[in-house]
Protein backbone atom coordinates (compact mmCIF):
# COMPACT_ATOMS: atom_id res chain seq x y z
CA UNK A 1 4.66 68.24 34.24
CA UNK A 2 1.72 67.75 36.72
CA UNK A 3 1.46 70.49 39.38
CA UNK A 4 2.01 67.74 41.91
CA UNK A 5 5.46 66.92 40.55
CA UNK A 6 4.48 63.29 39.36
CA UNK A 7 6.58 63.77 36.35
CA UNK A 8 9.72 64.40 38.42
CA UNK A 9 8.86 61.36 40.56
CA UNK A 10 8.48 59.10 37.45
CA UNK A 11 11.72 60.34 36.01
CA UNK A 12 13.68 59.53 39.09
CA UNK A 13 12.17 56.24 39.20
CA UNK A 14 13.17 55.64 35.39
CA UNK A 15 16.76 56.82 36.31
CA UNK A 16 16.84 54.40 39.30
CA UNK A 17 15.67 51.47 37.07
CA UNK A 18 18.41 52.39 34.62
CA UNK A 19 21.21 52.62 37.39
CA UNK A 20 20.01 49.05 38.31
CA UNK A 21 20.31 47.85 35.13
CA UNK A 22 23.82 49.41 34.31
CA UNK A 23 24.95 48.00 37.70
CA UNK A 24 24.52 44.64 35.98
CA UNK A 25 25.78 45.54 32.46
CA UNK A 26 28.38 47.97 33.40
CA UNK A 27 30.89 45.63 35.08
CA UNK A 28 33.87 44.72 32.79
CA UNK A 29 33.26 41.11 32.42
CA UNK A 30 29.42 40.77 32.63
CA UNK A 31 28.59 41.55 29.11
CA UNK A 32 31.29 39.28 27.82
CA UNK A 33 30.00 36.45 30.23
CA UNK A 34 26.47 36.95 29.12
CA UNK A 35 27.54 36.82 25.49
CA UNK A 36 29.71 33.61 25.94
CA UNK A 37 26.91 32.04 27.80
CA UNK A 38 24.28 32.88 25.07
CA UNK A 39 26.60 31.66 22.33
CA UNK A 40 27.85 28.24 24.37
CA UNK A 41 24.93 27.45 26.34
CA UNK A 42 25.27 25.67 29.80
CA UNK A 43 29.08 25.44 30.41
CA UNK A 44 31.00 24.62 33.18
CA UNK A 45 33.48 26.89 35.08
CA UNK A 46 36.72 25.62 33.60
CA UNK A 47 35.33 25.60 30.21
CA UNK A 48 33.77 29.15 30.72
CA UNK A 49 37.10 30.34 31.88
CA UNK A 50 38.68 29.05 28.82
CA UNK A 51 36.34 30.94 26.63
CA UNK A 52 36.88 34.23 28.25
CA UNK A 53 40.26 35.27 27.72
CA UNK A 54 42.13 37.29 30.37
CA UNK A 55 39.78 36.57 33.33
CA UNK A 56 40.86 35.15 36.69
CA UNK A 57 39.35 32.42 38.53
CA UNK A 58 38.41 34.95 41.33
CA UNK A 59 36.95 37.50 39.05
CA UNK A 60 35.00 34.80 37.25
CA UNK A 61 33.59 33.62 40.40
CA UNK A 62 32.52 37.00 41.73
CA UNK A 63 31.07 37.96 38.34
CA UNK A 64 29.01 34.58 38.15
CA UNK A 65 27.87 35.22 41.62
CA UNK A 66 26.69 38.89 40.92
CA UNK A 67 24.96 37.75 37.82
CA UNK A 68 23.36 34.89 39.55
CA UNK A 69 22.22 37.23 42.26
CA UNK A 70 20.69 39.56 39.54
CA UNK A 71 18.76 36.53 38.12
CA UNK A 72 20.71 36.57 34.75
CA UNK A 73 22.68 33.29 35.35
CA UNK A 74 21.72 30.16 36.96
CA UNK A 75 24.02 27.57 38.41
CA UNK A 76 23.17 23.97 38.30
CA UNK A 77 24.95 21.47 40.60
CA UNK A 78 25.07 18.09 38.42
CA UNK A 79 25.41 15.25 40.79
CA UNK A 80 28.14 13.20 39.06
CA UNK A 81 31.55 11.87 39.93
CA UNK A 82 33.21 14.21 40.29
CA UNK A 83 30.42 16.71 40.94
CA UNK A 84 30.09 19.31 38.02
CA UNK A 85 28.62 22.85 38.19
CA UNK A 86 27.22 24.26 35.03
CA UNK A 87 26.18 27.84 34.29
CA UNK A 88 23.49 28.94 31.90
CA UNK A 89 21.43 32.02 31.09
CA UNK A 90 18.05 32.58 32.77
CA UNK A 91 15.20 33.89 30.72
CA UNK A 92 16.22 37.36 31.89
CA UNK A 93 19.74 36.59 30.92
CA UNK A 94 18.54 35.42 27.43
CA UNK A 95 16.44 38.40 26.99
CA UNK A 96 19.66 40.58 27.30
CA UNK A 97 21.10 38.68 24.25
CA UNK A 98 19.79 41.07 21.57
CA UNK A 99 21.06 43.99 23.56
CA UNK A 100 24.45 42.46 24.11
CA UNK A 101 24.39 41.76 20.09
CA UNK A 102 23.41 45.34 19.41
CA UNK A 103 26.14 46.58 21.71
CA UNK A 104 28.85 44.22 19.83
CA UNK A 105 27.62 45.65 16.62
CA UNK A 106 27.78 49.06 17.88
CA UNK A 107 31.51 48.55 18.98
CA UNK A 108 32.23 47.18 15.52
CA UNK A 109 31.14 50.11 13.82
CA UNK A 110 32.35 53.03 16.14
CA UNK A 111 35.20 51.66 18.14
CA UNK A 112 38.81 51.44 16.63
CA UNK A 113 40.29 48.14 16.90
CA UNK A 114 42.95 47.39 19.71
CA UNK A 115 43.18 46.91 23.24
CA UNK A 116 40.15 47.45 25.34
CA UNK A 117 40.21 50.40 27.94
CA UNK A 118 40.67 48.93 31.53
């Protein structure tokens, strides 16, 4: 470490970045929504809800808002009758795809089958 403490400051900055990333990925439904959007592409709210078993309208809406605010998901209002809204991954969300896939593969190897913890 440098005598001026630069190493400590850099490690603190790295931990802060990791905290910011886990705030996005650490919520129960976020990785599942990213994975679903990665597999299904742009999709409407009701179709997304049907694809993600067990999620409520409220939680889906809040999760999509969180992911949109984080720059991971985009929301596109389609001017049609009736008006439709579609959700898709942004470039940042697409870049999370391999990470989510690795997490899924890890879970297949190391986690026993059964109910997910709450």
